[in-house]
Amino acid sequence: MILSSLTAMSKRALAAIEQALTAADATLRRKLDQTGAKRPHVTMVLMRDGTVVMRGNCGPESLTKFGEALQKIGQAHSTSH
């Protein structure tokens, strides 16, 4: 999944990020499967321009909770700086 506003990132660079993230996600899934620890997970790259590339095995409810947790982290970070 890619969420992007206006971006100047080239299609080639974005494709490279997608490919690397897909490989990282596959490695994580394989390692979790090997240990019998099949857990929901999200692997994400957030670019400076706001582009988000994400891989994972979470459903909408987990992603909503993840988004809420990120908002709390962002709020805590902005008040501490």
PDB file of N, CA and C in Angstrom:
ATOM      1  N   MET A   1       0.848  -1.168   0.000  1.00  0.00           N
ATOM      2  CA  MET A   1       0.000   0.000   0.000  1.00  0.00           C
ATOM      3  C   MET A   1       0.892   1.230   0.000  1.00  0.00           C
ATOM      4  N   ILE A   2       0.544   2.217  -0.801  1.00  0.00           N
ATOM      5  CA  ILE A   2       1.281   3.473  -0.834  1.00  0.00           C
ATOM      6  C   ILE A   2       0.285   4.597  -0.605  1.00  0.00           C
ATOM      7  N   LEU A   3       0.580   5.424   0.369  1.00  0.00           N
ATOM      8  CA  LEU A   3      -0.206   6.629   0.602  1.00  0.00           C
ATOM      9  C   LEU A   3       0.699   7.801   0.298  1.00  0.00           C
ATOM     10  N   SER A   4       0.271   8.647  -0.604  1.00  0.00           N
ATOM     11  CA  SER A   4       1.147   9.738  -1.001  1.00  0.00           C
ATOM     12  C   SER A   4       0.334  10.988  -1.286  1.00  0.00           C
ATOM     13  N   SER A   5       0.849  12.113  -0.837  1.00  0.00           N
ATOM     14  CA  SER A   5       0.288  13.386  -1.248  1.00  0.00           C
ATOM     15  C   SER A   5       1.090  13.778  -2.485  1.00  0.00           C
ATOM     16  N   LEU A   6       1.400  15.018  -2.660  1.00  0.00           N
ATOM     17  CA  LEU A   6       2.243  15.420  -3.770  1.00  0.00           C
ATOM     18  C   LEU A   6       3.662  14.998  -3.476  1.00  0.00           C
ATOM     19  N   THR A   7       4.295  14.348  -4.417  1.00  0.00           N
ATOM     20  CA  THR A   7       5.638  13.853  -4.176  1.00  0.00           C
ATOM     21  C   THR A   7       6.530  14.125  -5.371  1.00  0.00           C
ATOM     22  N   ALA A   8       7.765  14.436  -5.077  1.00  0.00           N
ATOM     23  CA  ALA A   8       8.751  14.664  -6.118  1.00  0.00           C
ATOM     24  C   ALA A   8       9.629  13.429  -6.307  1.00  0.00           C
ATOM     25  N   MET A   9       9.357  12.387  -5.511  1.00  0.00           N
ATOM     26  CA  MET A   9      10.174  11.191  -5.572  1.00  0.00           C
ATOM     27  C   MET A   9       9.987  10.523  -6.930  1.00  0.00           C
ATOM     28  N   SER A  10      11.076  10.127  -7.531  1.00  0.00           N
ATOM     29  CA  SER A  10      10.981   9.471  -8.829  1.00  0.00           C
ATOM     30  C   SER A  10      10.332   8.103  -8.695  1.00  0.00           C
ATOM     31  N   LYS A  11       9.717   7.658  -9.780  1.00  0.00           N
ATOM     32  CA  LYS A  11       9.089   6.337  -9.770  1.00  0.00           C
ATOM     33  C   LYS A  11      10.124   5.248  -9.525  1.00  0.00           C
ATOM     34  N   ARG A  12      11.338   5.463 -10.015  1.00  0.00           N
ATOM     35  CA  ARG A  12      12.388   4.468  -9.835  1.00  0.00           C
ATOM     36  C   ARG A  12      12.779   4.342  -8.371  1.00  0.00           C
ATOM     37  N   ALA A  13      12.923   5.467  -7.679  1.00  0.00           N
ATOM     38  CA  ALA A  13      13.274   5.437  -6.254  1.00  0.00           C
ATOM     39  C   ALA A  13      12.146   4.811  -5.442  1.00  0.00           C
ATOM     40  N   LEU A  14      10.920   5.153  -5.765  1.00  0.00           N
ATOM     41  CA  LEU A  14       9.776   4.587  -5.059  1.00  0.00           C
ATOM     42  C   LEU A  14       9.710   3.079  -5.285  1.00  0.00           C
ATOM     43  N   ALA A  15       9.965   2.645  -6.501  1.00  0.00           N
ATOM     44  CA  ALA A  15       9.964   1.210  -6.800  1.00  0.00           C
ATOM     45  C   ALA A  15      11.040   0.486  -5.998  1.00  0.00           C
ATOM     46  N   ALA A  16      12.199   1.111  -5.833  1.00  0.00           N
ATOM     47  CA  ALA A  16      13.287   0.501  -5.055  1.00  0.00           C
ATOM     48  C   ALA A  16      12.883   0.366  -3.591  1.00  0.00           C
ATOM     49  N   ILE A  17      12.227   1.378  -3.047  1.00  0.00           N
ATOM     50  CA  ILE A  17      11.763   1.331  -1.658  1.00  0.00           C
ATOM     51  C   ILE A  17      10.708   0.244  -1.499  1.00  0.00           C
ATOM     52  N   GLU A  18       9.764   0.174  -2.429  1.00  0.00           N
ATOM     53  CA  GLU A  18       8.736  -0.865  -2.365  1.00  0.00           C
ATOM     54  C   GLU A  18       9.365  -2.252  -2.394  1.00  0.00           C
ATOM     55  N   GLN A  19      10.326  -2.443  -3.272  1.00  0.00           N
ATOM     56  CA  GLN A  19      10.987  -3.741  -3.395  1.00  0.00           C
ATOM     57  C   GLN A  19      11.727  -4.108  -2.107  1.00  0.00           C
ATOM     58  N   ALA A  20      12.454  -3.157  -1.540  1.00  0.00           N
ATOM     59  CA  ALA A  20      13.203  -3.418  -0.305  1.00  0.00           C
ATOM     60  C   ALA A  20      12.259  -3.694   0.858  1.00  0.00           C
ATOM     61  N   LEU A  21      11.178  -2.949   0.949  1.00  0.00           N
ATOM     62  CA  LEU A  21      10.225  -3.145   2.038  1.00  0.00           C
ATOM     63  C   LEU A  21       9.504  -4.483   1.902  1.00  0.00           C
ATOM     64  N   THR A  22       9.176  -4.865   0.690  1.00  0.00           N
ATOM     65  CA  THR A  22       8.549  -6.162   0.456  1.00  0.00           C
ATOM     66  C   THR A  22       9.488  -7.289   0.895  1.00  0.00           C
ATOM     67  N   ALA A  23      10.768  -7.153   0.569  1.00  0.00           N
ATOM     68  CA  ALA A  23      11.757  -8.161   0.976  1.00  0.00           C
ATOM     69  C   ALA A  23      11.897  -8.209   2.499  1.00  0.00           C
ATOM     70  N   ALA A  24      11.935  -7.046   3.142  1.00  0.00           N
ATOM     71  CA  ALA A  24      12.047  -6.994   4.606  1.00  0.00           C
ATOM     72  C   ALA A  24      10.825  -7.626   5.260  1.00  0.00           C
ATOM     73  N   ASP A  25       9.644  -7.348   4.714  1.00  0.00           N
ATOM     74  CA  ASP A  25       8.418  -7.913   5.257  1.00  0.00           C
ATOM     75  C   ASP A  25       8.408  -9.431   5.090  1.00  0.00           C
ATOM     76  N   ALA A  26       8.852  -9.919   3.948  1.00  0.00           N
ATOM     77  CA  ALA A  26       8.911 -11.365   3.718  1.00  0.00           C
ATOM     78  C   ALA A  26       9.873 -12.036   4.696  1.00  0.00           C
ATOM     79  N   THR A  27      11.005 -11.389   4.957  1.00  0.00           N
ATOM     80  CA  THR A  27      11.973 -11.926   5.923  1.00  0.00           C
ATOM     81  C   THR A  27      11.359 -11.984   7.316  1.00  0.00           C
ATOM     82  N   LEU A  28      10.684 -10.922   7.717  1.00  0.00           N
ATOM     83  CA  LEU A  28      10.035 -10.895   9.025  1.00  0.00           C
ATOM     84  C   LEU A  28       8.983 -11.988   9.137  1.00  0.00           C
ATOM     85  N   ARG A  29       8.157 -12.142   8.120  1.00  0.00           N
ATOM     86  CA  ARG A  29       7.131 -13.193   8.143  1.00  0.00           C
ATOM     87  C   ARG A  29       7.763 -14.575   8.267  1.00  0.00           C
ATOM     88  N   ARG A  30       8.831 -14.813   7.493  1.00  0.00           N
ATOM     89  CA  ARG A  30       9.508 -16.101   7.524  1.00  0.00           C
ATOM     90  C   ARG A  30      10.081 -16.389   8.907  1.00  0.00           C
ATOM     91  N   LYS A  31      10.727 -15.379   9.509  1.00  0.00           N
ATOM     92  CA  LYS A  31      11.308 -15.559  10.848  1.00  0.00           C
ATOM     93  C   LYS A  31      10.224 -15.817  11.889  1.00  0.00           C
ATOM     94  N   LEU A  32       9.128 -15.094  11.800  1.00  0.00           N
ATOM     95  CA  LEU A  32       8.031 -15.319  12.736  1.00  0.00           C
ATOM     96  C   LEU A  32       7.434 -16.707  12.553  1.00  0.00           C
ATOM     97  N   ASP A  33       7.267 -17.127  11.302  1.00  0.00           N
ATOM     98  CA  ASP A  33       6.737 -18.469  11.031  1.00  0.00           C
ATOM     99  C   ASP A  33       7.659 -19.548  11.588  1.00  0.00           C
ATOM    100  N   GLN A  34       8.959 -19.355  11.454  1.00  0.00           N
ATOM    101  CA  GLN A  34       9.934 -20.339  11.934  1.00  0.00           C
ATOM    102  C   GLN A  34       9.859 -20.529  13.444  1.00  0.00           C
ATOM    103  N   THR A  35       9.521 -19.477  14.150  1.00  0.00           N
ATOM    104  CA  THR A  35       9.442 -19.565  15.607  1.00  0.00           C
ATOM    105  C   THR A  35       8.032 -19.884  16.093  1.00  0.00           C
ATOM    106  N   GLY A  36       7.094 -19.996  15.156  1.00  0.00           N
ATOM    107  CA  GLY A  36       5.713 -20.267  15.530  1.00  0.00           C
ATOM    108  C   GLY A  36       5.009 -19.057  16.116  1.00  0.00           C
ATOM    109  N   ALA A  37       5.603 -17.891  15.954  1.00  0.00           N
ATOM    110  CA  ALA A  37       5.047 -16.659  16.527  1.00  0.00           C
ATOM    111  C   ALA A  37       4.383 -15.828  15.437  1.00  0.00           C
ATOM    112  N   LYS A  38       3.327 -16.369  14.880  1.00  0.00           N
ATOM    113  CA  LYS A  38       2.602 -15.628  13.844  1.00  0.00           C
ATOM    114  C   LYS A  38       1.875 -14.467  14.513  1.00  0.00           C
ATOM    115  N   ARG A  39       2.388 -13.294  14.325  1.00  0.00           N
ATOM    116  CA  ARG A  39       1.840 -12.103  14.969  1.00  0.00           C
ATOM    117  C   ARG A  39       1.489 -11.073  13.907  1.00  0.00           C
ATOM    118  N   PRO A  40       0.477 -10.261  14.192  1.00  0.00           N
ATOM    119  CA  PRO A  40       0.204  -9.151  13.277  1.00  0.00           C
ATOM    120  C   PRO A  40       1.396  -8.191  13.285  1.00  0.00           C
ATOM    121  N   HIS A  41       1.721  -7.678  12.126  1.00  0.00           N
ATOM    122  CA  HIS A  41       2.831  -6.733  12.067  1.00  0.00           C
ATOM    123  C   HIS A  41       2.634  -5.755  10.913  1.00  0.00           C
ATOM    124  N   VAL A  42       3.319  -4.644  11.019  1.00  0.00           N
ATOM    125  CA  VAL A  42       3.339  -3.624   9.977  1.00  0.00           C
ATOM    126  C   VAL A  42       4.786  -3.232   9.768  1.00  0.00           C
ATOM    127  N   THR A  43       5.191  -3.192   8.520  1.00  0.00           N
ATOM    128  CA  THR A  43       6.512  -2.705   8.151  1.00  0.00           C
ATOM    129  C   THR A  43       6.267  -1.474   7.286  1.00  0.00           C
ATOM    130  N   MET A  44       6.890  -0.352   7.638  1.00  0.00           N
ATOM    131  CA  MET A  44       6.541   0.899   6.983  1.00  0.00           C
ATOM    132  C   MET A  44       7.763   1.774   6.758  1.00  0.00           C
ATOM    133  N   VAL A  45       7.718   2.518   5.665  1.00  0.00           N
ATOM    134  CA  VAL A  45       8.702   3.561   5.393  1.00  0.00           C
ATOM    135  C   VAL A  45       7.927   4.860   5.256  1.00  0.00           C
ATOM    136  N   LEU A  46       8.328   5.862   5.997  1.00  0.00           N
ATOM    137  CA  LEU A  46       7.736   7.189   5.925  1.00  0.00           C
ATOM    138  C   LEU A  46       8.788   8.125   5.364  1.00  0.00           C
ATOM    139  N   MET A  47       8.504   8.699   4.210  1.00  0.00           N
ATOM    140  CA  MET A  47       9.458   9.580   3.549  1.00  0.00           C
ATOM    141  C   MET A  47       9.246  11.028   4.015  1.00  0.00           C
ATOM    142  N   ARG A  48      10.243  11.837   3.817  1.00  0.00           N
ATOM    143  CA  ARG A  48      10.156  13.237   4.246  1.00  0.00           C
ATOM    144  C   ARG A  48       8.999  13.990   3.612  1.00  0.00           C
ATOM    145  N   ASP A  49       8.627  13.600   2.401  1.00  0.00           N
ATOM    146  CA  ASP A  49       7.539  14.303   1.711  1.00  0.00           C
ATOM    147  C   ASP A  49       6.156  13.799   2.116  1.00  0.00           C
ATOM    148  N   GLY A  50       6.109  12.861   3.068  1.00  0.00           N
ATOM    149  CA  GLY A  50       4.830  12.337   3.543  1.00  0.00           C
ATOM    150  C   GLY A  50       4.391  11.049   2.874  1.00  0.00           C
ATOM    151  N   THR A  51       5.142  10.591   1.889  1.00  0.00           N
ATOM    152  CA  THR A  51       4.817   9.332   1.245  1.00  0.00           C
ATOM    153  C   THR A  51       5.020   8.190   2.231  1.00  0.00           C
ATOM    154  N   VAL A  52       4.053   7.294   2.291  1.00  0.00           N
ATOM    155  CA  VAL A  52       4.132   6.122   3.161  1.00  0.00           C
ATOM    156  C   VAL A  52       4.050   4.872   2.294  1.00  0.00           C
ATOM    157  N   VAL A  53       5.006   3.975   2.476  1.00  0.00           N
ATOM    158  CA  VAL A  53       4.966   2.665   1.843  1.00  0.00           C
ATOM    159  C   VAL A  53       4.839   1.657   2.977  1.00  0.00           C
ATOM    160  N   MET A  54       3.829   0.780   2.890  1.00  0.00           N
ATOM    161  CA  MET A  54       3.544  -0.100   4.008  1.00  0.00           C
ATOM    162  C   MET A  54       3.285  -1.523   3.529  1.00  0.00           C
ATOM    163  N   ARG A  55       3.767  -2.465   4.301  1.00  0.00           N
ATOM    164  CA  ARG A  55       3.476  -3.879   4.102  1.00  0.00           C
ATOM    165  C   ARG A  55       3.073  -4.437   5.458  1.00  0.00           C
ATOM    166  N   GLY A  56       2.269  -5.464   5.469  1.00  0.00           N
ATOM    167  CA  GLY A  56       1.904  -6.069   6.734  1.00  0.00           C
ATOM    168  C   GLY A  56       0.793  -7.074   6.568  1.00  0.00           C
ATOM    169  N   ASN A  57       0.381  -7.625   7.677  1.00  0.00           N
ATOM    170  CA  ASN A  57      -0.682  -8.625   7.670  1.00  0.00           C
ATOM    171  C   ASN A  57      -1.798  -8.263   8.640  1.00  0.00           C
ATOM    172  N   CYS A  58      -1.945  -6.986   8.917  1.00  0.00           N
ATOM    173  CA  CYS A  58      -2.968  -6.520   9.854  1.00  0.00           C
ATOM    174  C   CYS A  58      -4.256  -6.177   9.117  1.00  0.00           C
ATOM    175  N   GLY A  59      -5.344  -6.370   9.829  1.00  0.00           N
ATOM    176  CA  GLY A  59      -6.628  -5.960   9.293  1.00  0.00           C
ATOM    177  C   GLY A  59      -6.922  -4.511   9.651  1.00  0.00           C
ATOM    178  N   PRO A  60      -8.054  -4.007   9.201  1.00  0.00           N
ATOM    179  CA  PRO A  60      -8.411  -2.606   9.424  1.00  0.00           C
ATOM    180  C   PRO A  60      -8.440  -2.192  10.893  1.00  0.00           C
ATOM    181  N   GLU A  61      -8.935  -3.074  11.769  1.00  0.00           N
ATOM    182  CA  GLU A  61      -9.017  -2.731  13.194  1.00  0.00           C
ATOM    183  C   GLU A  61      -7.623  -2.531  13.786  1.00  0.00           C
ATOM    184  N   SER A  62      -6.705  -3.427  13.471  1.00  0.00           N
ATOM    185  CA  SER A  62      -5.334  -3.296  13.975  1.00  0.00           C
ATOM    186  C   SER A  62      -4.651  -2.057  13.406  1.00  0.00           C
ATOM    187  N   LEU A  63      -4.904  -1.781  12.130  1.00  0.00           N
ATOM    188  CA  LEU A  63      -4.299  -0.591  11.524  1.00  0.00           C
ATOM    189  C   LEU A  63      -4.839   0.688  12.157  1.00  0.00           C
ATOM    190  N   THR A  64      -6.112   0.683  12.514  1.00  0.00           N
ATOM    191  CA  THR A  64      -6.695   1.846  13.193  1.00  0.00           C
ATOM    192  C   THR A  64      -6.034   2.050  14.550  1.00  0.00           C
ATOM    193  N   LYS A  65      -5.853   0.970  15.294  1.00  0.00           N
ATOM    194  CA  LYS A  65      -5.182   1.062  16.596  1.00  0.00           C
ATOM    195  C   LYS A  65      -3.740   1.533  16.426  1.00  0.00           C
ATOM    196  N   PHE A  66      -3.086   1.037  15.394  1.00  0.00           N
ATOM    197  CA  PHE A  66      -1.716   1.445  15.100  1.00  0.00           C
ATOM    198  C   PHE A  66      -1.664   2.944  14.798  1.00  0.00           C
ATOM    199  N   GLY A  67      -2.601   3.405  14.005  1.00  0.00           N
ATOM    200  CA  GLY A  67      -2.671   4.833  13.681  1.00  0.00           C
ATOM    201  C   GLY A  67      -2.885   5.685  14.920  1.00  0.00           C
ATOM    202  N   GLU A  68      -3.749   5.229  15.804  1.00  0.00           N
ATOM    203  CA  GLU A  68      -3.996   5.959  17.054  1.00  0.00           C
ATOM    204  C   GLU A  68      -2.731   5.997  17.913  1.00  0.00           C
ATOM    205  N   ALA A  69      -2.013   4.877  17.962  1.00  0.00           N
ATOM    206  CA  ALA A  69      -0.766   4.833  18.732  1.00  0.00           C
ATOM    207  C   ALA A  69       0.263   5.785  18.135  1.00  0.00           C
ATOM    208  N   LEU A  70       0.349   5.841  16.809  1.00  0.00           N
ATOM    209  CA  LEU A  70       1.287   6.770  16.166  1.00  0.00           C
ATOM    210  C   LEU A  70       0.932   8.225  16.467  1.00  0.00           C
ATOM    211  N   GLN A  71      -0.354   8.533  16.497  1.00  0.00           N
ATOM    212  CA  GLN A  71      -0.779   9.892  16.836  1.00  0.00           C
ATOM    213  C   GLN A  71      -0.350  10.255  18.247  1.00  0.00           C
ATOM    214  N   LYS A  72      -0.518   9.334  19.186  1.00  0.00           N
ATOM    215  CA  LYS A  72      -0.094   9.589  20.570  1.00  0.00           C
ATOM    216  C   LYS A  72       1.410   9.801  20.657  1.00  0.00           C
ATOM    217  N   ILE A  73       2.150   8.986  19.919  1.00  0.00           N
ATOM    218  CA  ILE A  73       3.613   9.148  19.900  1.00  0.00           C
ATOM    219  C   ILE A  73       3.975  10.508  19.322  1.00  0.00           C
ATOM    220  N   GLY A  74       3.337  10.877  18.239  1.00  0.00           N
ATOM    221  CA  GLY A  74       3.592  12.177  17.615  1.00  0.00           C
ATOM    222  C   GLY A  74       3.275  13.332  18.542  1.00  0.00           C
ATOM    223  N   GLN A  75       2.151  13.244  19.252  1.00  0.00           N
ATOM    224  CA  GLN A  75       1.766  14.287  20.197  1.00  0.00           C
ATOM    225  C   GLN A  75       2.767  14.369  21.350  1.00  0.00           C
ATOM    226  N   ALA A  76       3.162  13.233  21.864  1.00  0.00           N
ATOM    227  CA  ALA A  76       4.144  13.229  22.969  1.00  0.00           C
ATOM    228  C   ALA A  76       5.472  13.790  22.499  1.00  0.00           C
ATOM    229  N   HIS A  77       5.843  13.444  21.287  1.00  0.00           N
ATOM    230  CA  HIS A  77       7.124  13.928  20.737  1.00  0.00           C
ATOM    231  C   HIS A  77       7.089  15.438  20.528  1.00  0.00           C
ATOM    232  N   SER A  78       5.963  15.958  20.029  1.00  0.00           N
ATOM    233  CA  SER A  78       5.882  17.383  19.751  1.00  0.00           C
ATOM    234  C   SER A  78       5.828  18.210  21.035  1.00  0.00           C
ATOM    235  N   THR A  79       5.283  17.665  22.126  1.00  0.00           N
ATOM    236  CA  THR A  79       5.236  18.409  23.383  1.00  0.00           C
ATOM    237  C   THR A  79       6.553  18.338  24.146  1.00  0.00           C
ATOM    238  N   SER A  80       7.375  17.315  23.809  1.00  0.00           N
ATOM    239  CA  SER A  80       8.650  17.188  24.517  1.00  0.00           C
ATOM    240  C   SER A  80       9.768  17.977  23.848  1.00  0.00           C
ATOM    241  N   HIS A  81       9.509  18.528  22.683  1.00  0.00           N
ATOM    242  CA  HIS A  81      10.550  19.297  21.974  1.00  0.00           C
ATOM    243  C   HIS A  81      10.193  20.744  21.854  1.00  0.00           C
TER     244      HIS A  81
END
